[in-house]
Amino acid sequence: MDVLVSLETFFKEVKSSLSGGENVYIRGFGSFIIKRRAKKVGRHIKKNVSIEIPEHYIPSFKAAKVFVDQVKDNVTSLPEDEGED
């Protein structure tokens, strides 16, 4: 139960920091960062008209090199139903 409370508190703090414009860096694990998406023209498929999608920001996670290397070195295969689509 304590672990669940700790994780919920951690994620709440990450969300709060990102919402406030601050990135979160966790040494050896990765970074929760904010990415800027530029303004672009999209298409409303049902109406077949062009629409302007305004500039916006999205949360993103980038794994630390140490973390990526550990996964590469230790995982040899995934079960059949998991993996990339």
PDB file of N, CA and C in Angstrom:
ATOM      1  N   MET A   1       0.823  -1.198   0.000  1.00  0.00           N
ATOM      2  CA  MET A   1       0.000   0.000   0.000  1.00  0.00           C
ATOM      3  C   MET A   1       0.864   1.257   0.000  1.00  0.00           C
ATOM      4  N   ASP A   2       1.958   1.243   0.761  1.00  0.00           N
ATOM      5  CA  ASP A   2       2.852   2.400   0.806  1.00  0.00           C
ATOM      6  C   ASP A   2       3.464   2.684  -0.555  1.00  0.00           C
ATOM      7  N   VAL A   3       3.758   1.615  -1.299  1.00  0.00           N
ATOM      8  CA  VAL A   3       4.340   1.781  -2.632  1.00  0.00           C
ATOM      9  C   VAL A   3       3.347   2.486  -3.550  1.00  0.00           C
ATOM     10  N   LEU A   4       2.096   2.084  -3.499  1.00  0.00           N
ATOM     11  CA  LEU A   4       1.062   2.701  -4.327  1.00  0.00           C
ATOM     12  C   LEU A   4       0.927   4.190  -4.023  1.00  0.00           C
ATOM     13  N   VAL A   5       0.914   4.538  -2.749  1.00  0.00           N
ATOM     14  CA  VAL A   5       0.815   5.949  -2.346  1.00  0.00           C
ATOM     15  C   VAL A   5       2.039   6.714  -2.829  1.00  0.00           C
ATOM     16  N   SER A   6       3.208   6.126  -2.696  1.00  0.00           N
ATOM     17  CA  SER A   6       4.442   6.772  -3.147  1.00  0.00           C
ATOM     18  C   SER A   6       4.423   7.011  -4.653  1.00  0.00           C
ATOM     19  N   LEU A   7       4.010   5.997  -5.407  1.00  0.00           N
ATOM     20  CA  LEU A   7       3.948   6.149  -6.867  1.00  0.00           C
ATOM     21  C   LEU A   7       2.931   7.207  -7.285  1.00  0.00           C
ATOM     22  N   GLU A   8       1.769   7.192  -6.655  1.00  0.00           N
ATOM     23  CA  GLU A   8       0.748   8.190  -6.980  1.00  0.00           C
ATOM     24  C   GLU A   8       1.251   9.597  -6.676  1.00  0.00           C
ATOM     25  N   THR A   9       1.953   9.749  -5.567  1.00  0.00           N
ATOM     26  CA  THR A   9       2.516  11.052  -5.206  1.00  0.00           C
ATOM     27  C   THR A   9       3.579  11.465  -6.217  1.00  0.00           C
ATOM     28  N   PHE A  10       4.435  10.525  -6.597  1.00  0.00           N
ATOM     29  CA  PHE A  10       5.480  10.802  -7.587  1.00  0.00           C
ATOM     30  C   PHE A  10       4.866  11.271  -8.908  1.00  0.00           C
ATOM     31  N   PHE A  11       3.894  10.525  -9.427  1.00  0.00           N
ATOM     32  CA  PHE A  11       3.275  10.892 -10.702  1.00  0.00           C
ATOM     33  C   PHE A  11       2.535  12.226 -10.610  1.00  0.00           C
ATOM     34  N   LYS A  12       1.931  12.493  -9.473  1.00  0.00           N
ATOM     35  CA  LYS A  12       1.264  13.784  -9.264  1.00  0.00           C
ATOM     36  C   LYS A  12       2.284  14.921  -9.359  1.00  0.00           C
ATOM     37  N   GLU A  13       3.454  14.731  -8.745  1.00  0.00           N
ATOM     38  CA  GLU A  13       4.515  15.748  -8.802  1.00  0.00           C
ATOM     39  C   GLU A  13       5.070  15.920 -10.210  1.00  0.00           C
ATOM     40  N   VAL A  14       5.231  14.815 -10.943  1.00  0.00           N
ATOM     41  CA  VAL A  14       5.709  14.900 -12.334  1.00  0.00           C
ATOM     42  C   VAL A  14       4.699  15.690 -13.165  1.00  0.00           C
ATOM     43  N   LYS A  15       3.433  15.363 -13.046  1.00  0.00           N
ATOM     44  CA  LYS A  15       2.389  16.083 -13.794  1.00  0.00           C
ATOM     45  C   LYS A  15       2.389  17.560 -13.443  1.00  0.00           C
ATOM     46  N   SER A  16       2.500  17.860 -12.164  1.00  0.00           N
ATOM     47  CA  SER A  16       2.505  19.246 -11.713  1.00  0.00           C
ATOM     48  C   SER A  16       3.712  20.003 -12.274  1.00  0.00           C
ATOM     49  N   SER A  17       4.881  19.386 -12.231  1.00  0.00           N
ATOM     50  CA  SER A  17       6.090  20.025 -12.753  1.00  0.00           C
ATOM     51  C   SER A  17       5.975  20.276 -14.252  1.00  0.00           C
ATOM     52  N   LEU A  18       5.528  19.266 -14.999  1.00  0.00           N
ATOM     53  CA  LEU A  18       5.391  19.432 -16.450  1.00  0.00           C
ATOM     54  C   LEU A  18       4.349  20.492 -16.787  1.00  0.00           C
ATOM     55  N   SER A  19       3.248  20.502 -16.049  1.00  0.00           N
ATOM     56  CA  SER A  19       2.213  21.522 -16.277  1.00  0.00           C
ATOM     57  C   SER A  19       2.746  22.922 -16.014  1.00  0.00           C
ATOM     58  N   GLY A  20       3.700  23.028 -15.088  1.00  0.00           N
ATOM     59  CA  GLY A  20       4.311  24.308 -14.762  1.00  0.00           C
ATOM     60  C   GLY A  20       5.475  24.680 -15.666  1.00  0.00           C
ATOM     61  N   GLY A  21       5.747  23.855 -16.665  1.00  0.00           N
ATOM     62  CA  GLY A  21       6.806  24.166 -17.618  1.00  0.00           C
ATOM     63  C   GLY A  21       8.184  23.658 -17.228  1.00  0.00           C
ATOM     64  N   GLU A  22       8.266  22.830 -16.192  1.00  0.00           N
ATOM     65  CA  GLU A  22       9.553  22.305 -15.733  1.00  0.00           C
ATOM     66  C   GLU A  22       9.710  20.841 -16.142  1.00  0.00           C
ATOM     67  N   ASN A  23      10.905  20.478 -16.648  1.00  0.00           N
ATOM     68  CA  ASN A  23      11.210  19.089 -16.957  1.00  0.00           C
ATOM     69  C   ASN A  23      11.639  18.380 -15.678  1.00  0.00           C
ATOM     70  N   VAL A  24      11.511  17.048 -15.666  1.00  0.00           N
ATOM     71  CA  VAL A  24      11.895  16.239 -14.507  1.00  0.00           C
ATOM     72  C   VAL A  24      12.958  15.249 -14.964  1.00  0.00           C
ATOM     73  N   TYR A  25      14.118  15.268 -14.309  1.00  0.00           N
ATOM     74  CA  TYR A  25      15.229  14.390 -14.652  1.00  0.00           C
ATOM     75  C   TYR A  25      15.481  13.422 -13.504  1.00  0.00           C
ATOM     76  N   ILE A  26      15.533  12.117 -13.820  1.00  0.00           N
ATOM     77  CA  ILE A  26      15.804  11.097 -12.824  1.00  0.00           C
ATOM     78  C   ILE A  26      17.043  10.336 -13.275  1.00  0.00           C
ATOM     79  N   ARG A  27      18.153  10.582 -12.601  1.00  0.00           N
ATOM     80  CA  ARG A  27      19.437  10.000 -12.982  1.00  0.00           C
ATOM     81  C   ARG A  27      19.342   8.479 -13.035  1.00  0.00           C
ATOM     82  N   GLY A  28      19.821   7.915 -14.146  1.00  0.00           N
ATOM     83  CA  GLY A  28      19.841   6.469 -14.319  1.00  0.00           C
ATOM     84  C   GLY A  28      18.531   5.880 -14.793  1.00  0.00           C
ATOM     85  N   PHE A  29      17.477   6.683 -14.873  1.00  0.00           N
ATOM     86  CA  PHE A  29      16.169   6.184 -15.307  1.00  0.00           C
ATOM     87  C   PHE A  29      15.719   6.887 -16.573  1.00  0.00           C
ATOM     88  N   GLY A  30      15.611   8.224 -16.533  1.00  0.00           N
ATOM     89  CA  GLY A  30      15.189   8.953 -17.718  1.00  0.00           C
ATOM     90  C   GLY A  30      14.672  10.331 -17.386  1.00  0.00           C
ATOM     91  N   SER A  31      14.122  10.975 -18.396  1.00  0.00           N
ATOM     92  CA  SER A  31      13.642  12.344 -18.266  1.00  0.00           C
ATOM     93  C   SER A  31      12.203  12.453 -18.749  1.00  0.00           C
ATOM     94  N   PHE A  32      11.394  13.120 -17.955  1.00  0.00           N
ATOM     95  CA  PHE A  32      10.052  13.497 -18.376  1.00  0.00           C
ATOM     96  C   PHE A  32      10.196  14.933 -18.871  1.00  0.00           C
ATOM     97  N   ILE A  33       9.945  15.144 -20.160  1.00  0.00           N
ATOM     98  CA  ILE A  33      10.193  16.450 -20.754  1.00  0.00           C
ATOM     99  C   ILE A  33       8.960  16.951 -21.484  1.00  0.00           C
ATOM    100  N   ILE A  34       8.994  18.240 -21.803  1.00  0.00           N
ATOM    101  CA  ILE A  34       7.922  18.872 -22.561  1.00  0.00           C
ATOM    102  C   ILE A  34       8.430  19.078 -23.980  1.00  0.00           C
ATOM    103  N   LYS A  35       7.645  18.628 -24.958  1.00  0.00           N
ATOM    104  CA  LYS A  35       8.013  18.822 -26.356  1.00  0.00           C
ATOM    105  C   LYS A  35       7.051  19.811 -27.000  1.00  0.00           C
ATOM    106  N   ARG A  36       7.618  20.704 -27.793  1.00  0.00           N
ATOM    107  CA  ARG A  36       6.815  21.695 -28.514  1.00  0.00           C
ATOM    108  C   ARG A  36       6.431  21.124 -29.871  1.00  0.00           C
ATOM    109  N   ARG A  37       5.174  21.226 -30.207  1.00  0.00           N
ATOM    110  CA  ARG A  37       4.684  20.841 -31.527  1.00  0.00           C
ATOM    111  C   ARG A  37       4.313  22.127 -32.265  1.00  0.00           C
ATOM    112  N   ALA A  38       4.928  22.331 -33.394  1.00  0.00           N
ATOM    113  CA  ALA A  38       4.719  23.560 -34.163  1.00  0.00           C
ATOM    114  C   ALA A  38       3.308  23.598 -34.769  1.00  0.00           C
ATOM    115  N   LYS A  39       2.874  24.795 -35.094  1.00  0.00           N
ATOM    116  CA  LYS A  39       1.594  24.991 -35.773  1.00  0.00           C
ATOM    117  C   LYS A  39       1.665  24.286 -37.125  1.00  0.00           C
ATOM    118  N   LYS A  40       0.577  23.632 -37.526  1.00  0.00           N
ATOM    119  CA  LYS A  40       0.567  22.961 -38.821  1.00  0.00           C
ATOM    120  C   LYS A  40      -0.845  22.902 -39.382  1.00  0.00           C
ATOM    121  N   VAL A  41      -0.924  22.540 -40.646  1.00  0.00           N
ATOM    122  CA  VAL A  41      -2.217  22.404 -41.308  1.00  0.00           C
ATOM    123  C   VAL A  41      -2.556  20.921 -41.351  1.00  0.00           C
ATOM    124  N   GLY A  42      -3.757  20.597 -40.873  1.00  0.00           N
ATOM    125  CA  GLY A  42      -4.244  19.223 -40.886  1.00  0.00           C
ATOM    126  C   GLY A  42      -5.474  19.122 -41.769  1.00  0.00           C
ATOM    127  N   ARG A  43      -6.110  17.976 -41.758  1.00  0.00           N
ATOM    128  CA  ARG A  43      -7.273  17.761 -42.603  1.00  0.00           C
ATOM    129  C   ARG A  43      -8.373  17.113 -41.776  1.00  0.00           C
ATOM    130  N   HIS A  44      -9.581  17.692 -41.844  1.00  0.00           N
ATOM    131  CA  HIS A  44     -10.756  17.090 -41.219  1.00  0.00           C
ATOM    132  C   HIS A  44     -11.309  16.114 -42.249  1.00  0.00           C
ATOM    133  N   ILE A  45     -11.101  14.822 -42.015  1.00  0.00           N
ATOM    134  CA  ILE A  45     -11.393  13.812 -43.026  1.00  0.00           C
ATOM    135  C   ILE A  45     -12.873  13.756 -43.397  1.00  0.00           C
ATOM    136  N   LYS A  46     -13.755  13.799 -42.418  1.00  0.00           N
ATOM    137  CA  LYS A  46     -15.185  13.678 -42.711  1.00  0.00           C
ATOM    138  C   LYS A  46     -15.721  14.852 -43.526  1.00  0.00           C
ATOM    139  N   LYS A  47     -15.210  16.056 -43.244  1.00  0.00           N
ATOM    140  CA  LYS A  47     -15.684  17.247 -43.956  1.00  0.00           C
ATOM    141  C   LYS A  47     -14.809  17.589 -45.149  1.00  0.00           C
ATOM    142  N   ASN A  48     -13.655  16.929 -45.261  1.00  0.00           N
ATOM    143  CA  ASN A  48     -12.704  17.163 -46.343  1.00  0.00           C
ATOM    144  C   ASN A  48     -12.298  18.636 -46.453  1.00  0.00           C
ATOM    145  N   VAL A  49     -11.966  19.214 -45.318  1.00  0.00           N
ATOM    146  CA  VAL A  49     -11.502  20.601 -45.294  1.00  0.00           C
ATOM    147  C   VAL A  49     -10.190  20.687 -44.513  1.00  0.00           C
ATOM    148  N   SER A  50      -9.412  21.686 -44.837  1.00  0.00           N
ATOM    149  CA  SER A  50      -8.164  21.925 -44.117  1.00  0.00           C
ATOM    150  C   SER A  50      -8.461  22.645 -42.806  1.00  0.00           C
ATOM    151  N   ILE A  51      -7.743  22.272 -41.769  1.00  0.00           N
ATOM    152  CA  ILE A  51      -7.876  22.955 -40.487  1.00  0.00           C
ATOM    153  C   ILE A  51      -6.475  23.295 -39.981  1.00  0.00           C
ATOM    154  N   GLU A  52      -6.394  24.374 -39.228  1.00  0.00           N
ATOM    155  CA  GLU A  52      -5.114  24.762 -38.657  1.00  0.00           C
ATOM    156  C   GLU A  52      -5.017  24.197 -37.252  1.00  0.00           C
ATOM    157  N   ILE A  53      -3.954  23.448 -37.009  1.00  0.00           N
ATOM    158  CA  ILE A  53      -3.701  22.906 -35.684  1.00  0.00           C
ATOM    159  C   ILE A  53      -2.707  23.847 -35.014  1.00  0.00           C
ATOM    160  N   PRO A  54      -3.093  24.486 -33.934  1.00  0.00           N
ATOM    161  CA  PRO A  54      -2.212  25.473 -33.301  1.00  0.00           C
ATOM    162  C   PRO A  54      -0.992  24.829 -32.638  1.00  0.00           C
ATOM    163  N   GLU A  55       0.003  25.659 -32.364  1.00  0.00           N
ATOM    164  CA  GLU A  55       1.165  25.195 -31.622  1.00  0.00           C
ATOM    165  C   GLU A  55       0.698  24.667 -30.270  1.00  0.00           C
ATOM    166  N   HIS A  56       1.292  23.559 -29.837  1.00  0.00           N
ATOM    167  CA  HIS A  56       0.930  23.001 -28.539  1.00  0.00           C
ATOM    168  C   HIS A  56       2.113  22.236 -27.966  1.00  0.00           C
ATOM    169  N   TYR A  57       1.987  21.861 -26.713  1.00  0.00           N
ATOM    170  CA  TYR A  57       3.059  21.176 -26.004  1.00  0.00           C
ATOM    171  C   TYR A  57       2.550  19.838 -25.493  1.00  0.00           C
ATOM    172  N   ILE A  58       3.414  18.810 -25.559  1.00  0.00           N
ATOM    173  CA  ILE A  58       3.028  17.483 -25.103  1.00  0.00           C
ATOM    174  C   ILE A  58       4.094  16.927 -24.161  1.00  0.00           C
ATOM    175  N   PRO A  59       3.687  16.070 -23.219  1.00  0.00           N
ATOM    176  CA  PRO A  59       4.677  15.431 -22.361  1.00  0.00           C
ATOM    177  C   PRO A  59       5.344  14.287 -23.109  1.00  0.00           C
ATOM    178  N   SER A  60       6.590  14.014 -22.761  1.00  0.00           N
ATOM    179  CA  SER A  60       7.338  12.950 -23.400  1.00  0.00           C
ATOM    180  C   SER A  60       8.294  12.341 -22.388  1.00  0.00           C
ATOM    181  N   PHE A  61       8.673  11.090 -22.613  1.00  0.00           N
ATOM    182  CA  PHE A  61       9.648  10.427 -21.748  1.00  0.00           C
ATOM    183  C   PHE A  61      10.809   9.952 -22.595  1.00  0.00           C
ATOM    184  N   LYS A  62      12.020  10.228 -22.142  1.00  0.00           N
ATOM    185  CA  LYS A  62      13.221   9.752 -22.812  1.00  0.00           C
ATOM    186  C   LYS A  62      14.021   8.955 -21.799  1.00  0.00           C
ATOM    187  N   ALA A  63      14.220   7.671 -22.096  1.00  0.00           N
ATOM    188  CA  ALA A  63      14.950   6.798 -21.181  1.00  0.00           C
ATOM    189  C   ALA A  63      16.427   7.174 -21.150  1.00  0.00           C
ATOM    190  N   ALA A  64      17.037   7.053 -19.981  1.00  0.00           N
ATOM    191  CA  ALA A  64      18.470   7.320 -19.826  1.00  0.00           C
ATOM    192  C   ALA A  64      19.270   6.232 -20.534  1.00  0.00           C
ATOM    193  N   LYS A  65      20.445   6.590 -21.004  1.00  0.00           N
ATOM    194  CA  LYS A  65      21.298   5.647 -21.728  1.00  0.00           C
ATOM    195  C   LYS A  65      21.591   4.407 -20.888  1.00  0.00           C
ATOM    196  N   VAL A  66      21.848   4.584 -19.594  1.00  0.00           N
ATOM    197  CA  VAL A  66      22.120   3.448 -18.702  1.00  0.00           C
ATOM    198  C   VAL A  66      20.938   2.483 -18.690  1.00  0.00           C
ATOM    199  N   PHE A  67      19.737   3.019 -18.626  1.00  0.00           N
ATOM    200  CA  PHE A  67      18.516   2.221 -18.601  1.00  0.00           C
ATOM    201  C   PHE A  67      18.347   1.466 -19.924  1.00  0.00           C
ATOM    202  N   VAL A  68      18.519   2.169 -21.032  1.00  0.00           N
ATOM    203  CA  VAL A  68      18.396   1.555 -22.358  1.00  0.00           C
ATOM    204  C   VAL A  68      19.415   0.429 -22.516  1.00  0.00           C
ATOM    205  N   ASP A  69      20.644   0.687 -22.110  1.00  0.00           N
ATOM    206  CA  ASP A  69      21.698  -0.326 -22.238  1.00  0.00           C
ATOM    207  C   ASP A  69      21.392  -1.564 -21.401  1.00  0.00           C
ATOM    208  N   GLN A  70      20.843  -1.378 -20.208  1.00  0.00           N
ATOM    209  CA  GLN A  70      20.484  -2.530 -19.365  1.00  0.00           C
ATOM    210  C   GLN A  70      19.423  -3.381 -20.035  1.00  0.00           C
ATOM    211  N   VAL A  71      18.427  -2.747 -20.636  1.00  0.00           N
ATOM    212  CA  VAL A  71      17.368  -3.492 -21.318  1.00  0.00           C
ATOM    213  C   VAL A  71      17.948  -4.225 -22.519  1.00  0.00           C
ATOM    214  N   LYS A  72      18.777  -3.541 -23.313  1.00  0.00           N
ATOM    215  CA  LYS A  72      19.387  -4.171 -24.490  1.00  0.00           C
ATOM    216  C   LYS A  72      20.209  -5.391 -24.093  1.00  0.00           C
ATOM    217  N   ASP A  73      20.956  -5.293 -22.997  1.00  0.00           N
ATOM    218  CA  ASP A  73      21.847  -6.372 -22.583  1.00  0.00           C
ATOM    219  C   ASP A  73      21.108  -7.565 -21.974  1.00  0.00           C
ATOM    220  N   ASN A  74      19.935  -7.339 -21.405  1.00  0.00           N
ATOM    221  CA  ASN A  74      19.262  -8.399 -20.653  1.00  0.00           C
ATOM    222  C   ASN A  74      18.028  -8.994 -21.308  1.00  0.00           C
ATOM    223  N   VAL A  75      17.359  -8.287 -22.204  1.00  0.00           N
ATOM    224  CA  VAL A  75      16.153  -8.819 -22.824  1.00  0.00           C
ATOM    225  C   VAL A  75      16.537  -9.448 -24.156  1.00  0.00           C
ATOM    226  N   THR A  76      16.231 -10.738 -24.286  1.00  0.00           N
ATOM    227  CA  THR A  76      16.581 -11.434 -25.524  1.00  0.00           C
ATOM    228  C   THR A  76      15.379 -11.599 -26.449  1.00  0.00           C
ATOM    229  N   SER A  77      14.159 -11.669 -25.888  1.00  0.00           N
ATOM    230  CA  SER A  77      12.965 -11.755 -26.719  1.00  0.00           C
ATOM    231  C   SER A  77      11.750 -11.370 -25.889  1.00  0.00           C
ATOM    232  N   LEU A  78      10.672 -11.090 -26.587  1.00  0.00           N
ATOM    233  CA  LEU A  78       9.408 -10.757 -25.938  1.00  0.00           C
ATOM    234  C   LEU A  78       8.411 -11.864 -26.220  1.00  0.00           C
ATOM    235  N   PRO A  79       7.418 -12.036 -25.334  1.00  0.00           N
ATOM    236  CA  PRO A  79       6.353 -12.994 -25.632  1.00  0.00           C
ATOM    237  C   PRO A  79       5.662 -12.608 -26.943  1.00  0.00           C
ATOM    238  N   GLU A  80       5.020 -13.582 -27.571  1.00  0.00           N
ATOM    239  CA  GLU A  80       4.404 -13.393 -28.890  1.00  0.00           C
ATOM    240  C   GLU A  80       3.441 -12.206 -28.977  1.00  0.00           C
ATOM    241  N   ASP A  81       2.606 -11.986 -27.960  1.00  0.00           N
ATOM    242  CA  ASP A  81       1.573 -10.952 -28.039  1.00  0.00           C
ATOM    243  C   ASP A  81       2.077  -9.579 -27.650  1.00  0.00           C
ATOM    244  N   GLU A  82       3.329  -9.432 -27.244  1.00  0.00           N
ATOM    245  CA  GLU A  82       3.856  -8.134 -26.889  1.00  0.00           C
ATOM    246  C   GLU A  82       4.851  -7.699 -27.940  1.00  0.00           C
ATOM    247  N   GLY A  83       5.247  -6.441 -27.875  1.00  0.00           N
ATOM    248  CA  GLY A  83       6.224  -5.921 -28.829  1.00  0.00           C
ATOM    249  C   GLY A  83       5.622  -4.813 -29.637  1.00  0.00           C
ATOM    250  N   GLU A  84       6.390  -4.338 -30.582  1.00  0.00           N
ATOM    251  CA  GLU A  84       5.954  -3.201 -31.395  1.00  0.00           C
ATOM    252  C   GLU A  84       4.934  -3.644 -32.436  1.00  0.00           C
ATOM    253  N   ASP A  85       4.018  -2.746 -32.725  1.00  0.00           N
ATOM    254  CA  ASP A  85       2.986  -3.008 -33.738  1.00  0.00           C
ATOM    255  C   ASP A  85       3.508  -2.713 -35.113  1.00  0.00           C
TER     256      ASP A  85
END
